[in-house]
Amino acid sequence: MLQFNSLKLLSMSILLSGSISIISAVSAQSIIKIDGSSTVYPITKAAADKFQISKKNAINVTVDISGSGGGFKKFCRGEIDIVNASRPILKNEIKDCKNSRVQFVEIPVAFDALTVAVHPENTWSTTMTVAELKKMWEPAAQGKITKWNQINPAWPDESFDLYGADTDSGTFDYFTEAIVGKIKSSRNDFTESENDNVLVEGVTSNKNGLGFFGFAYYIEDQTKVTAVAINNGKGGILPSVETVENGNYQPLSRPIFIYVNAKAIEKPEIKEFVEFYMKNAILLVKEAKFFPLPPRAYTTMMEHFNKKRVGTVFNGVTAVGLTIDELIRREGRLEYDNY
């Protein structure tokens, strides 16, 4: 009996020792916290996964989704190290960060072509003007504009269903300003979600559905949905590498970002992760089906990051109609709009 108890105690000791080792390993692991935009998520998640592999999982990078607005709330409270954002930081968010003494480095990582999509059986609205989209989405349309032929008399006398980003999303902010003319100004009788895949599914399952989401989500399901060509006075323009790079896909072509807490840069793991992100950005962006910036842009962003150049070049407003070349010129300015 004594021998049995001794063996039992030895086994428990070994198990306890192993558990302590596992707990110690987990607690010793550095953690980088990232949250925010669902649009930027695929790029940052790919960067996080590859970075963790390169570090043999000694550093844990968590990437969550809460929308650009939700991410900035956490970021300005100091709860996360990096925020993914599908639009520039806004004035009220700058104020929140200032009140919490959170300074940040602004880093554009790619361009996106915000895509309006319809069901493949929709053969009538494959090209739409900005005015038509505004008539469909503006607040005054709620409960009144519900059929296709109210947008264009040549279109069917059938009710349409709308799908869009949730109101805490940077995609919602950008779309409403670009199309309606005022940020966060929209009818609210539409199906909203912070998950772009839900929006794509809504359009694919509804002949009369129309939705908007990031280009990467469109490309992933382009056999199931049809992109709408946007006519901004120059004829219908479809989203593509060419039309984004030459600046013709307007006003739905936009820069997307990460913002890094300046104090967090003092942590070696944060610095290493952002450097890894920038050095591999072109490949990461292409793999995620977005549009990379020119190599010189990532070199400039890396210089700004290493110098901890805090602030923003957008003065707290979205950047509707900005081209890649204009973005690079802005980010190359010697002084940011600090706060």
C-alpha atoms as a PDB file:
ATOM      1  CA  MET A   1       0.000   0.000   0.000  1.00  0.00           C
ATOM      2  CA  LEU A   2       2.872   2.345   0.885  1.00  0.00           C
ATOM      3  CA  GLN A   3       4.515   1.656  -2.473  1.00  0.00           C
ATOM      4  CA  PHE A   4       1.208   2.351  -4.312  1.00  0.00           C
ATOM      5  CA  ASN A   5       0.740   5.665  -2.496  1.00  0.00           C
ATOM      6  CA  SER A   6       4.318   6.651  -3.270  1.00  0.00           C
ATOM      7  CA  LEU A   7       3.779   5.927  -6.971  1.00  0.00           C
ATOM      8  CA  LYS A   8       0.503   7.867  -6.891  1.00  0.00           C
ATOM      9  CA  LEU A   9       2.220  10.855  -5.288  1.00  0.00           C
ATOM     10  CA  LEU A  10       5.028  10.665  -7.839  1.00  0.00           C
ATOM     11  CA  SER A  11       2.531  10.606 -10.730  1.00  0.00           C
ATOM     12  CA  MET A  12       0.655  13.600  -9.312  1.00  0.00           C
ATOM     13  CA  SER A  13       3.937  15.426  -8.860  1.00  0.00           C
ATOM     14  CA  ILE A  14       4.908  14.812 -12.481  1.00  0.00           C
ATOM     15  CA  LEU A  15       1.472  15.963 -13.725  1.00  0.00           C
ATOM     16  CA  LEU A  16       1.590  19.070 -11.543  1.00  0.00           C
ATOM     17  CA  SER A  17       5.084  19.865 -12.719  1.00  0.00           C
ATOM     18  CA  GLY A  18       4.004  19.514 -16.343  1.00  0.00           C
ATOM     19  CA  SER A  19       0.998  21.776 -15.791  1.00  0.00           C
ATOM     20  CA  ILE A  20       3.165  24.430 -14.164  1.00  0.00           C
ATOM     21  CA  SER A  21       5.567  24.270 -17.123  1.00  0.00           C
ATOM     22  CA  ILE A  22       2.719  24.755 -19.595  1.00  0.00           C
ATOM     23  CA  ILE A  23       1.274  27.664 -17.594  1.00  0.00           C
ATOM     24  CA  SER A  24       4.727  29.236 -17.318  1.00  0.00           C
ATOM     25  CA  ALA A  25       5.267  28.903 -21.076  1.00  0.00           C
ATOM     26  CA  VAL A  26       1.906  30.561 -21.824  1.00  0.00           C
ATOM     27  CA  SER A  27       2.456  33.353 -19.320  1.00  0.00           C
ATOM     28  CA  ALA A  28       5.951  33.966 -20.700  1.00  0.00           C
ATOM     29  CA  GLN A  29       4.562  34.361 -24.211  1.00  0.00           C
ATOM     30  CA  SER A  30       4.415  37.985 -25.403  1.00  0.00           C
ATOM     31  CA  ILE A  31       0.979  39.085 -26.624  1.00  0.00           C
ATOM     32  CA  ILE A  32       0.159  41.689 -29.288  1.00  0.00           C
ATOM     33  CA  LYS A  33      -3.497  42.784 -29.301  1.00  0.00           C
ATOM     34  CA  ILE A  34      -5.111  43.948 -32.542  1.00  0.00           C
ATOM     35  CA  ASP A  35      -8.760  44.730 -33.259  1.00  0.00           C
ATOM     36  CA  GLY A  36     -10.932  46.779 -35.609  1.00  0.00           C
ATOM     37  CA  SER A  37     -11.885  46.677 -39.279  1.00  0.00           C
ATOM     38  CA  SER A  38     -13.172  43.501 -40.923  1.00  0.00           C
ATOM     39  CA  THR A  39     -11.873  44.858 -44.245  1.00  0.00           C
ATOM     40  CA  VAL A  40      -8.263  45.118 -43.063  1.00  0.00           C
ATOM     41  CA  TYR A  41      -8.537  41.891 -41.049  1.00  0.00           C
ATOM     42  CA  PRO A  42      -7.402  39.483 -43.827  1.00  0.00           C
ATOM     43  CA  ILE A  43      -4.152  41.397 -44.393  1.00  0.00           C
ATOM     44  CA  THR A  44      -3.268  41.823 -40.720  1.00  0.00           C
ATOM     45  CA  LYS A  45      -4.291  38.250 -39.868  1.00  0.00           C
ATOM     46  CA  ALA A  46      -1.978  36.934 -42.600  1.00  0.00           C
ATOM     47  CA  ALA A  47       0.830  39.118 -41.237  1.00  0.00           C
ATOM     48  CA  ALA A  48       0.153  37.864 -37.704  1.00  0.00           C
ATOM     49  CA  ASP A  49       0.124  34.199 -38.726  1.00  0.00           C
ATOM     50  CA  LYS A  50       3.375  34.435 -40.691  1.00  0.00           C
ATOM     51  CA  PHE A  51       5.050  36.491 -37.961  1.00  0.00           C
ATOM     52  CA  GLN A  52       4.115  33.950 -35.286  1.00  0.00           C
ATOM     53  CA  ILE A  53       5.580  31.155 -37.402  1.00  0.00           C
ATOM     54  CA  SER A  54       8.810  33.127 -37.863  1.00  0.00           C
ATOM     55  CA  LYS A  55       9.002  33.540 -34.075  1.00  0.00           C
ATOM     56  CA  LYS A  56       8.200  29.866 -33.446  1.00  0.00           C
ATOM     57  CA  ASN A  57       5.033  30.973 -31.618  1.00  0.00           C
ATOM     58  CA  ALA A  58       7.011  32.727 -28.897  1.00  0.00           C
ATOM     59  CA  ILE A  59       4.828  35.764 -29.602  1.00  0.00           C
ATOM     60  CA  ASN A  60       1.025  35.509 -29.689  1.00  0.00           C
ATOM     61  CA  VAL A  61      -0.699  37.989 -32.005  1.00  0.00           C
ATOM     62  CA  THR A  62      -4.472  38.166 -31.520  1.00  0.00           C
ATOM     63  CA  VAL A  63      -6.506  39.764 -34.330  1.00  0.00           C
ATOM     64  CA  ASP A  64     -10.199  40.426 -33.661  1.00  0.00           C
ATOM     65  CA  ILE A  65     -13.003  42.235 -35.503  1.00  0.00           C
ATOM     66  CA  SER A  66     -15.194  44.991 -34.063  1.00  0.00           C
ATOM     67  CA  GLY A  67     -15.309  47.464 -36.969  1.00  0.00           C
ATOM     68  CA  SER A  68     -13.095  50.522 -37.352  1.00  0.00           C
ATOM     69  CA  GLY A  69     -15.218  52.536 -34.920  1.00  0.00           C
ATOM     70  CA  GLY A  70     -15.296  49.762 -32.347  1.00  0.00           C
ATOM     71  CA  GLY A  71     -11.572  49.220 -32.750  1.00  0.00           C
ATOM     72  CA  PHE A  72     -10.758  52.909 -32.248  1.00  0.00           C
ATOM     73  CA  LYS A  73     -12.809  52.939 -29.031  1.00  0.00           C
ATOM     74  CA  LYS A  74     -10.659  50.137 -27.619  1.00  0.00           C
ATOM     75  CA  PHE A  75      -7.477  51.665 -29.046  1.00  0.00           C
ATOM     76  CA  CYS A  76      -8.103  55.092 -27.519  1.00  0.00           C
ATOM     77  CA  ARG A  77      -8.795  53.454 -24.145  1.00  0.00           C
ATOM     78  CA  GLY A  78      -5.407  51.780 -24.371  1.00  0.00           C
ATOM     79  CA  GLU A  79      -6.903  48.281 -24.495  1.00  0.00           C
ATOM     80  CA  ILE A  80      -5.173  47.197 -27.715  1.00  0.00           C
ATOM     81  CA  ASP A  81      -1.780  47.852 -29.310  1.00  0.00           C
ATOM     82  CA  ILE A  82      -2.860  48.215 -32.944  1.00  0.00           C
ATOM     83  CA  VAL A  83      -6.165  49.047 -34.619  1.00  0.00           C
ATOM     84  CA  ASN A  84      -7.141  47.996 -38.142  1.00  0.00           C
ATOM     85  CA  ALA A  85      -9.038  50.817 -39.851  1.00  0.00           C
ATOM     86  CA  SER A  86     -10.765  51.048 -43.223  1.00  0.00           C
ATOM     87  CA  ARG A  87     -10.813  54.848 -42.982  1.00  0.00           C
ATOM     88  CA  PRO A  88      -8.693  57.533 -41.293  1.00  0.00           C
ATOM     89  CA  ILE A  89      -9.162  58.288 -37.608  1.00  0.00           C
ATOM     90  CA  LEU A  90     -11.995  60.798 -37.045  1.00  0.00           C
ATOM     91  CA  LYS A  91     -11.975  64.009 -34.981  1.00  0.00           C
ATOM     92  CA  ASN A  92     -13.967  62.559 -32.083  1.00  0.00           C
ATOM     93  CA  GLU A  93     -11.600  59.567 -31.957  1.00  0.00           C
ATOM     94  CA  ILE A  94      -8.566  61.849 -31.993  1.00  0.00           C
ATOM     95  CA  LYS A  95     -10.132  63.670 -29.039  1.00  0.00           C
ATOM     96  CA  ASP A  96     -10.727  60.383 -27.191  1.00  0.00           C
ATOM     97  CA  CYS A  97      -7.116  59.334 -27.749  1.00  0.00           C
ATOM     98  CA  LYS A  98      -5.874  62.729 -26.595  1.00  0.00           C
ATOM     99  CA  ASN A  99      -7.970  62.537 -23.413  1.00  0.00           C
ATOM    100  CA  SER A 100      -6.448  59.127 -22.668  1.00  0.00           C
ATOM    101  CA  ARG A 101      -2.945  60.304 -23.642  1.00  0.00           C
ATOM    102  CA  VAL A 102      -2.748  57.721 -26.378  1.00  0.00           C
ATOM    103  CA  GLN A 103      -0.525  58.852 -29.231  1.00  0.00           C
ATOM    104  CA  PHE A 104      -0.399  56.874 -32.450  1.00  0.00           C
ATOM    105  CA  VAL A 105       1.548  56.287 -35.641  1.00  0.00           C
ATOM    106  CA  GLU A 106      -0.642  56.212 -38.755  1.00  0.00           C
ATOM    107  CA  ILE A 107       0.344  53.606 -41.363  1.00  0.00           C
ATOM    108  CA  PRO A 108      -1.518  53.134 -44.662  1.00  0.00           C
ATOM    109  CA  VAL A 109      -1.105  49.481 -45.674  1.00  0.00           C
ATOM    110  CA  ALA A 110      -3.072  49.150 -48.930  1.00  0.00           C
ATOM    111  CA  PHE A 111      -5.886  50.429 -51.135  1.00  0.00           C
ATOM    112  CA  ASP A 112      -9.332  48.875 -51.320  1.00  0.00           C
ATOM    113  CA  ALA A 113     -12.041  49.152 -53.946  1.00  0.00           C
ATOM    114  CA  LEU A 114     -15.270  49.263 -51.988  1.00  0.00           C
ATOM    115  CA  THR A 115     -17.506  47.120 -54.197  1.00  0.00           C
ATOM    116  CA  VAL A 116     -21.243  47.397 -54.830  1.00  0.00           C
ATOM    117  CA  ALA A 117     -22.614  43.989 -55.846  1.00  0.00           C
ATOM    118  CA  VAL A 118     -25.859  42.460 -57.057  1.00  0.00           C
ATOM    119  CA  HIS A 119     -27.182  38.949 -57.735  1.00  0.00           C
ATOM    120  CA  PRO A 120     -26.036  37.394 -61.064  1.00  0.00           C
ATOM    121  CA  GLU A 121     -29.665  37.291 -62.258  1.00  0.00           C
ATOM    122  CA  ASN A 122     -29.848  41.058 -61.947  1.00  0.00           C
ATOM    123  CA  THR A 123     -29.288  42.253 -65.522  1.00  0.00           C
ATOM    124  CA  TRP A 124     -30.654  45.783 -65.146  1.00  0.00           C
ATOM    125  CA  SER A 125     -28.512  47.590 -62.569  1.00  0.00           C
ATOM    126  CA  THR A 126     -25.038  46.328 -63.479  1.00  0.00           C
ATOM    127  CA  THR A 127     -24.076  49.977 -63.994  1.00  0.00           C
ATOM    128  CA  MET A 128     -25.251  52.637 -61.563  1.00  0.00           C
ATOM    129  CA  THR A 129     -24.566  56.336 -61.165  1.00  0.00           C
ATOM    130  CA  VAL A 130     -23.592  57.838 -57.845  1.00  0.00           C
ATOM    131  CA  ALA A 131     -26.905  59.748 -57.957  1.00  0.00           C
ATOM    132  CA  GLU A 132     -28.855  56.479 -58.301  1.00  0.00           C
ATOM    133  CA  LEU A 133     -27.008  54.920 -55.381  1.00  0.00           C
ATOM    134  CA  LYS A 134     -27.646  58.037 -53.313  1.00  0.00           C
ATOM    135  CA  LYS A 135     -31.367  57.906 -54.110  1.00  0.00           C
ATOM    136  CA  MET A 136     -31.368  54.299 -52.918  1.00  0.00           C
ATOM    137  CA  TRP A 137     -29.347  54.769 -49.699  1.00  0.00           C
ATOM    138  CA  GLU A 138     -30.047  58.299 -48.418  1.00  0.00           C
ATOM    139  CA  PRO A 139     -32.105  58.739 -45.200  1.00  0.00           C
ATOM    140  CA  ALA A 140     -35.049  60.224 -47.115  1.00  0.00           C
ATOM    141  CA  ALA A 141     -35.432  56.916 -49.005  1.00  0.00           C
ATOM    142  CA  GLN A 142     -36.406  54.965 -45.912  1.00  0.00           C
ATOM    143  CA  GLY A 143     -39.902  53.533 -46.241  1.00  0.00           C
ATOM    144  CA  LYS A 144     -40.449  55.405 -49.495  1.00  0.00           C
ATOM    145  CA  ILE A 145     -37.935  54.200 -52.082  1.00  0.00           C
ATOM    146  CA  THR A 146     -38.335  50.444 -52.049  1.00  0.00           C
ATOM    147  CA  LYS A 147     -38.547  49.337 -55.705  1.00  0.00           C
ATOM    148  CA  TRP A 148     -36.050  49.269 -58.547  1.00  0.00           C
ATOM    149  CA  ASN A 149     -38.252  51.320 -60.885  1.00  0.00           C
ATOM    150  CA  GLN A 150     -38.263  54.150 -58.339  1.00  0.00           C
ATOM    151  CA  ILE A 151     -34.523  54.452 -58.925  1.00  0.00           C
ATOM    152  CA  ASN A 152     -34.741  54.097 -62.706  1.00  0.00           C
ATOM    153  CA  PRO A 153     -38.070  53.797 -64.590  1.00  0.00           C
ATOM    154  CA  ALA A 154     -36.534  51.232 -66.955  1.00  0.00           C
ATOM    155  CA  TRP A 155     -35.863  48.846 -64.074  1.00  0.00           C
ATOM    156  CA  PRO A 156     -38.346  46.217 -62.722  1.00  0.00           C
ATOM    157  CA  ASP A 157     -41.358  46.996 -60.572  1.00  0.00           C
ATOM    158  CA  GLU A 158     -39.943  44.776 -57.836  1.00  0.00           C
ATOM    159  CA  SER A 159     -38.805  45.481 -54.284  1.00  0.00           C
ATOM    160  CA  PHE A 160     -35.066  45.485 -53.597  1.00  0.00           C
ATOM    161  CA  ASP A 161     -33.262  44.428 -50.404  1.00  0.00           C
ATOM    162  CA  LEU A 162     -30.145  46.195 -49.185  1.00  0.00           C
ATOM    163  CA  TYR A 163     -27.113  44.777 -47.366  1.00  0.00           C
ATOM    164  CA  GLY A 164     -24.346  46.873 -45.874  1.00  0.00           C
ATOM    165  CA  ALA A 165     -21.668  47.237 -43.249  1.00  0.00           C
ATOM    166  CA  ASP A 166     -22.820  47.894 -39.687  1.00  0.00           C
ATOM    167  CA  THR A 167     -22.936  51.479 -38.488  1.00  0.00           C
ATOM    168  CA  ASP A 168     -19.785  51.059 -36.345  1.00  0.00           C
ATOM    169  CA  SER A 169     -17.799  50.104 -39.428  1.00  0.00           C
ATOM    170  CA  GLY A 170     -15.324  52.291 -41.281  1.00  0.00           C
ATOM    171  CA  THR A 171     -16.745  50.846 -44.495  1.00  0.00           C
ATOM    172  CA  PHE A 172     -20.183  52.227 -43.561  1.00  0.00           C
ATOM    173  CA  ASP A 173     -18.610  55.606 -42.759  1.00  0.00           C
ATOM    174  CA  TYR A 174     -16.754  55.765 -46.058  1.00  0.00           C
ATOM    175  CA  PHE A 175     -19.670  54.552 -48.189  1.00  0.00           C
ATOM    176  CA  THR A 176     -22.155  57.016 -46.710  1.00  0.00           C
ATOM    177  CA  GLU A 177     -19.856  59.992 -47.180  1.00  0.00           C
ATOM    178  CA  ALA A 178     -18.830  58.946 -50.707  1.00  0.00           C
ATOM    179  CA  ILE A 179     -22.355  58.161 -51.918  1.00  0.00           C
ATOM    180  CA  VAL A 180     -24.782  60.112 -49.728  1.00  0.00           C
ATOM    181  CA  GLY A 181     -22.430  63.014 -49.078  1.00  0.00           C
ATOM    182  CA  LYS A 182     -22.386  62.872 -45.289  1.00  0.00           C
ATOM    183  CA  ILE A 183     -20.720  60.410 -42.949  1.00  0.00           C
ATOM    184  CA  LYS A 184     -23.065  58.002 -41.118  1.00  0.00           C
ATOM    185  CA  SER A 185     -26.012  59.390 -43.085  1.00  0.00           C
ATOM    186  CA  SER A 186     -28.118  56.522 -44.431  1.00  0.00           C
ATOM    187  CA  ARG A 187     -31.509  54.855 -44.361  1.00  0.00           C
ATOM    188  CA  ASN A 188     -31.485  52.251 -41.604  1.00  0.00           C
ATOM    189  CA  ASP A 189     -33.940  49.707 -43.001  1.00  0.00           C
ATOM    190  CA  PHE A 190     -31.197  47.507 -44.453  1.00  0.00           C
ATOM    191  CA  THR A 191     -29.534  44.291 -43.314  1.00  0.00           C
ATOM    192  CA  GLU A 192     -26.294  45.253 -41.594  1.00  0.00           C
ATOM    193  CA  SER A 193     -23.398  43.147 -40.364  1.00  0.00           C
ATOM    194  CA  GLU A 194     -19.793  43.598 -39.252  1.00  0.00           C
ATOM    195  CA  ASN A 195     -19.053  40.339 -41.095  1.00  0.00           C
ATOM    196  CA  ASP A 196     -18.627  40.933 -44.843  1.00  0.00           C
ATOM    197  CA  ASN A 197     -19.271  37.257 -45.561  1.00  0.00           C
ATOM    198  CA  VAL A 198     -22.805  37.680 -44.178  1.00  0.00           C
ATOM    199  CA  LEU A 199     -23.387  40.546 -46.614  1.00  0.00           C
ATOM    200  CA  VAL A 200     -22.077  38.531 -49.555  1.00  0.00           C
ATOM    201  CA  GLU A 201     -24.337  35.640 -48.580  1.00  0.00           C
ATOM    202  CA  GLY A 202     -27.310  38.019 -48.427  1.00  0.00           C
ATOM    203  CA  VAL A 203     -26.749  39.149 -52.010  1.00  0.00           C
ATOM    204  CA  THR A 204     -26.041  35.644 -53.342  1.00  0.00           C
ATOM    205  CA  SER A 205     -29.312  34.336 -51.926  1.00  0.00           C
ATOM    206  CA  ASN A 206     -31.545  37.190 -53.131  1.00  0.00           C
ATOM    207  CA  LYS A 207     -32.215  38.059 -56.771  1.00  0.00           C
ATOM    208  CA  ASN A 208     -33.218  41.571 -55.714  1.00  0.00           C
ATOM    209  CA  GLY A 209     -30.373  42.066 -53.277  1.00  0.00           C
ATOM    210  CA  LEU A 210     -27.749  44.812 -53.470  1.00  0.00           C
ATOM    211  CA  GLY A 211     -24.893  45.244 -51.027  1.00  0.00           C
ATOM    212  CA  PHE A 212     -21.489  46.837 -50.514  1.00  0.00           C
ATOM    213  CA  PHE A 213     -18.313  45.339 -49.037  1.00  0.00           C
ATOM    214  CA  GLY A 214     -14.543  45.218 -49.481  1.00  0.00           C
ATOM    215  CA  PHE A 215     -13.071  44.127 -52.825  1.00  0.00           C
ATOM    216  CA  ALA A 216     -11.420  41.028 -51.328  1.00  0.00           C
ATOM    217  CA  TYR A 217     -14.806  39.637 -50.324  1.00  0.00           C
ATOM    218  CA  TYR A 218     -16.147  40.277 -53.825  1.00  0.00           C
ATOM    219  CA  ILE A 219     -13.188  38.520 -55.481  1.00  0.00           C
ATOM    220  CA  GLU A 220     -13.613  35.541 -53.187  1.00  0.00           C
ATOM    221  CA  ASP A 221     -17.220  35.110 -54.381  1.00  0.00           C
ATOM    222  CA  GLN A 222     -17.173  36.672 -57.838  1.00  0.00           C
ATOM    223  CA  THR A 223     -18.857  33.615 -59.343  1.00  0.00           C
ATOM    224  CA  LYS A 224     -21.806  34.176 -56.988  1.00  0.00           C
ATOM    225  CA  VAL A 225     -22.244  37.962 -57.204  1.00  0.00           C
ATOM    226  CA  THR A 226     -21.849  40.622 -59.905  1.00  0.00           C
ATOM    227  CA  ALA A 227     -19.892  43.831 -59.323  1.00  0.00           C
ATOM    228  CA  VAL A 228     -21.731  47.016 -60.271  1.00  0.00           C
ATOM    229  CA  ALA A 229     -19.845  49.444 -62.535  1.00  0.00           C
ATOM    230  CA  ILE A 230     -19.895  52.893 -60.926  1.00  0.00           C
ATOM    231  CA  ASN A 231     -20.615  55.874 -63.179  1.00  0.00           C
ATOM    232  CA  ASN A 232     -19.219  59.029 -61.625  1.00  0.00           C
ATOM    233  CA  GLY A 233     -19.592  61.072 -64.804  1.00  0.00           C
ATOM    234  CA  LYS A 234     -17.077  59.134 -66.914  1.00  0.00           C
ATOM    235  CA  GLY A 235     -19.137  56.054 -67.734  1.00  0.00           C
ATOM    236  CA  GLY A 236     -19.369  52.840 -65.758  1.00  0.00           C
ATOM    237  CA  ILE A 237     -16.075  51.814 -64.111  1.00  0.00           C
ATOM    238  CA  LEU A 238     -15.589  48.387 -62.545  1.00  0.00           C
ATOM    239  CA  PRO A 239     -13.234  47.840 -59.600  1.00  0.00           C
ATOM    240  CA  SER A 240      -9.899  46.358 -60.716  1.00  0.00           C
ATOM    241  CA  VAL A 241      -6.151  46.685 -60.214  1.00  0.00           C
ATOM    242  CA  GLU A 242      -5.948  49.030 -63.201  1.00  0.00           C
ATOM    243  CA  THR A 243      -8.860  51.299 -62.258  1.00  0.00           C
ATOM    244  CA  VAL A 244      -7.687  51.630 -58.652  1.00  0.00           C
ATOM    245  CA  GLU A 245      -4.067  52.313 -59.582  1.00  0.00           C
ATOM    246  CA  ASN A 246      -4.947  54.901 -62.250  1.00  0.00           C
ATOM    247  CA  GLY A 247      -7.478  56.600 -59.961  1.00  0.00           C
ATOM    248  CA  ASN A 248     -10.517  56.032 -62.214  1.00  0.00           C
ATOM    249  CA  TYR A 249     -12.569  53.939 -59.776  1.00  0.00           C
ATOM    250  CA  GLN A 250     -14.138  56.797 -57.881  1.00  0.00           C
ATOM    251  CA  PRO A 251     -15.453  57.628 -55.385  1.00  0.00           C
ATOM    252  CA  LEU A 252     -15.217  54.114 -53.868  1.00  0.00           C
ATOM    253  CA  SER A 253     -11.444  53.620 -54.032  1.00  0.00           C
ATOM    254  CA  ARG A 254      -9.930  54.171 -50.578  1.00  0.00           C
ATOM    255  CA  PRO A 255      -6.784  53.741 -48.459  1.00  0.00           C
ATOM    256  CA  ILE A 256      -6.886  51.340 -45.496  1.00  0.00           C
ATOM    257  CA  PHE A 257      -4.687  51.528 -42.395  1.00  0.00           C
ATOM    258  CA  ILE A 258      -3.210  50.252 -39.208  1.00  0.00           C
ATOM    259  CA  TYR A 259      -2.671  52.643 -36.278  1.00  0.00           C
ATOM    260  CA  VAL A 260      -0.015  51.733 -33.724  1.00  0.00           C
ATOM    261  CA  ASN A 261       0.022  52.937 -30.119  1.00  0.00           C
ATOM    262  CA  ALA A 262       3.228  54.999 -29.900  1.00  0.00           C
ATOM    263  CA  LYS A 263       3.988  53.827 -26.367  1.00  0.00           C
ATOM    264  CA  ALA A 264       3.573  50.195 -27.416  1.00  0.00           C
ATOM    265  CA  ILE A 265       6.398  50.638 -29.940  1.00  0.00           C
ATOM    266  CA  GLU A 266       8.775  50.540 -26.969  1.00  0.00           C
ATOM    267  CA  LYS A 267       7.971  46.830 -26.701  1.00  0.00           C
ATOM    268  CA  PRO A 268      10.419  44.853 -28.892  1.00  0.00           C
ATOM    269  CA  GLU A 269       7.698  42.462 -30.096  1.00  0.00           C
ATOM    270  CA  ILE A 270       5.496  45.330 -31.364  1.00  0.00           C
ATOM    271  CA  LYS A 271       8.407  46.915 -33.206  1.00  0.00           C
ATOM    272  CA  GLU A 272       9.397  43.593 -34.748  1.00  0.00           C
ATOM    273  CA  PHE A 273       5.831  42.818 -35.837  1.00  0.00           C
ATOM    274  CA  VAL A 274       5.271  46.161 -37.590  1.00  0.00           C
ATOM    275  CA  GLU A 275       8.683  45.913 -39.284  1.00  0.00           C
ATOM    276  CA  PHE A 276       7.752  42.408 -40.449  1.00  0.00           C
ATOM    277  CA  TYR A 277       4.386  43.708 -41.681  1.00  0.00           C
ATOM    278  CA  MET A 278       5.951  46.525 -43.721  1.00  0.00           C
ATOM    279  CA  LYS A 279       8.758  44.408 -45.181  1.00  0.00           C
ATOM    280  CA  ASN A 280       6.264  41.798 -46.378  1.00  0.00           C
ATOM    281  CA  ALA A 281       3.350  44.166 -47.093  1.00  0.00           C
ATOM    282  CA  ILE A 282       3.276  43.863 -50.880  1.00  0.00           C
ATOM    283  CA  LEU A 283       3.048  40.061 -50.754  1.00  0.00           C
ATOM    284  CA  LEU A 284       0.570  40.077 -47.836  1.00  0.00           C
ATOM    285  CA  VAL A 285      -1.690  42.632 -49.543  1.00  0.00           C
ATOM    286  CA  LYS A 286      -1.702  40.760 -52.849  1.00  0.00           C
ATOM    287  CA  GLU A 287      -2.441  37.441 -51.145  1.00  0.00           C
ATOM    288  CA  ALA A 288      -5.414  39.064 -49.402  1.00  0.00           C
ATOM    289  CA  LYS A 289      -6.700  40.356 -52.793  1.00  0.00           C
ATOM    290  CA  PHE A 290      -6.176  44.057 -52.074  1.00  0.00           C
ATOM    291  CA  PHE A 291      -4.076  46.646 -53.903  1.00  0.00           C
ATOM    292  CA  PRO A 292      -0.540  47.247 -52.577  1.00  0.00           C
ATOM    293  CA  LEU A 293       1.085  50.644 -52.404  1.00  0.00           C
ATOM    294  CA  PRO A 294       4.337  51.228 -54.344  1.00  0.00           C
ATOM    295  CA  PRO A 295       7.473  49.892 -52.562  1.00  0.00           C
ATOM    296  CA  ARG A 296       8.669  53.423 -51.778  1.00  0.00           C
ATOM    297  CA  ALA A 297       5.486  54.032 -49.787  1.00  0.00           C
ATOM    298  CA  TYR A 298       6.227  51.149 -47.401  1.00  0.00           C
ATOM    299  CA  THR A 299       9.818  52.385 -47.025  1.00  0.00           C
ATOM    300  CA  THR A 300       8.480  55.831 -46.084  1.00  0.00           C
ATOM    301  CA  MET A 301       5.998  54.326 -43.612  1.00  0.00           C
ATOM    302  CA  MET A 302       8.803  52.329 -42.006  1.00  0.00           C
ATOM    303  CA  GLU A 303      10.851  55.505 -41.579  1.00  0.00           C
ATOM    304  CA  HIS A 304       7.885  57.275 -39.971  1.00  0.00           C
ATOM    305  CA  PHE A 305       7.345  54.310 -37.664  1.00  0.00           C
ATOM    306  CA  ASN A 306      10.971  54.133 -36.555  1.00  0.00           C
ATOM    307  CA  LYS A 307      10.960  57.876 -35.871  1.00  0.00           C
ATOM    308  CA  LYS A 308       7.643  57.562 -34.001  1.00  0.00           C
ATOM    309  CA  ARG A 309       6.088  60.271 -36.122  1.00  0.00           C
ATOM    310  CA  VAL A 310       2.759  60.549 -34.361  1.00  0.00           C
ATOM    311  CA  GLY A 311      -0.465  62.078 -35.673  1.00  0.00           C
ATOM    312  CA  THR A 312      -2.481  61.982 -38.883  1.00  0.00           C
ATOM    313  CA  VAL A 313      -2.423  63.668 -42.286  1.00  0.00           C
ATOM    314  CA  PHE A 314      -6.220  63.548 -42.614  1.00  0.00           C
ATOM    315  CA  ASN A 315      -7.246  66.129 -40.012  1.00  0.00           C
ATOM    316  CA  GLY A 316      -9.919  63.820 -38.606  1.00  0.00           C
ATOM    317  CA  VAL A 317     -11.968  63.380 -41.779  1.00  0.00           C
ATOM    318  CA  THR A 318     -12.398  60.549 -44.292  1.00  0.00           C
ATOM    319  CA  ALA A 319     -10.491  60.709 -47.555  1.00  0.00           C
ATOM    320  CA  VAL A 320     -13.137  60.350 -50.254  1.00  0.00           C
ATOM    321  CA  GLY A 321     -11.751  60.421 -53.794  1.00  0.00           C
ATOM    322  CA  LEU A 322      -8.107  60.045 -52.779  1.00  0.00           C
ATOM    323  CA  THR A 323      -5.810  58.295 -55.280  1.00  0.00           C
ATOM    324  CA  ILE A 324      -2.723  56.252 -54.437  1.00  0.00           C
ATOM    325  CA  ASP A 325      -0.410  59.032 -55.690  1.00  0.00           C
ATOM    326  CA  GLU A 326      -2.248  61.639 -53.610  1.00  0.00           C
ATOM    327  CA  LEU A 327      -1.994  59.425 -50.531  1.00  0.00           C
ATOM    328  CA  ILE A 328       1.767  59.057 -50.981  1.00  0.00           C
ATOM    329  CA  ARG A 329       2.180  62.817 -51.339  1.00  0.00           C
ATOM    330  CA  ARG A 330       0.173  63.401 -48.165  1.00  0.00           C
ATOM    331  CA  GLU A 331       2.081  60.838 -46.142  1.00  0.00           C
ATOM    332  CA  GLY A 332       5.367  62.292 -47.403  1.00  0.00           C
ATOM    333  CA  ARG A 333       4.677  65.650 -45.759  1.00  0.00           C
ATOM    334  CA  LEU A 334       7.254  66.716 -43.218  1.00  0.00           C
ATOM    335  CA  GLU A 335       4.668  67.509 -40.564  1.00  0.00           C
ATOM    336  CA  TYR A 336       1.572  65.642 -39.493  1.00  0.00           C
ATOM    337  CA  ASP A 337      -1.571  67.200 -38.068  1.00  0.00           C
ATOM    338  CA  ASN A 338      -0.652  66.455 -34.472  1.00  0.00           C
ATOM    339  CA  TYR A 339      -2.956  66.754 -31.508  1.00  0.00           C
END
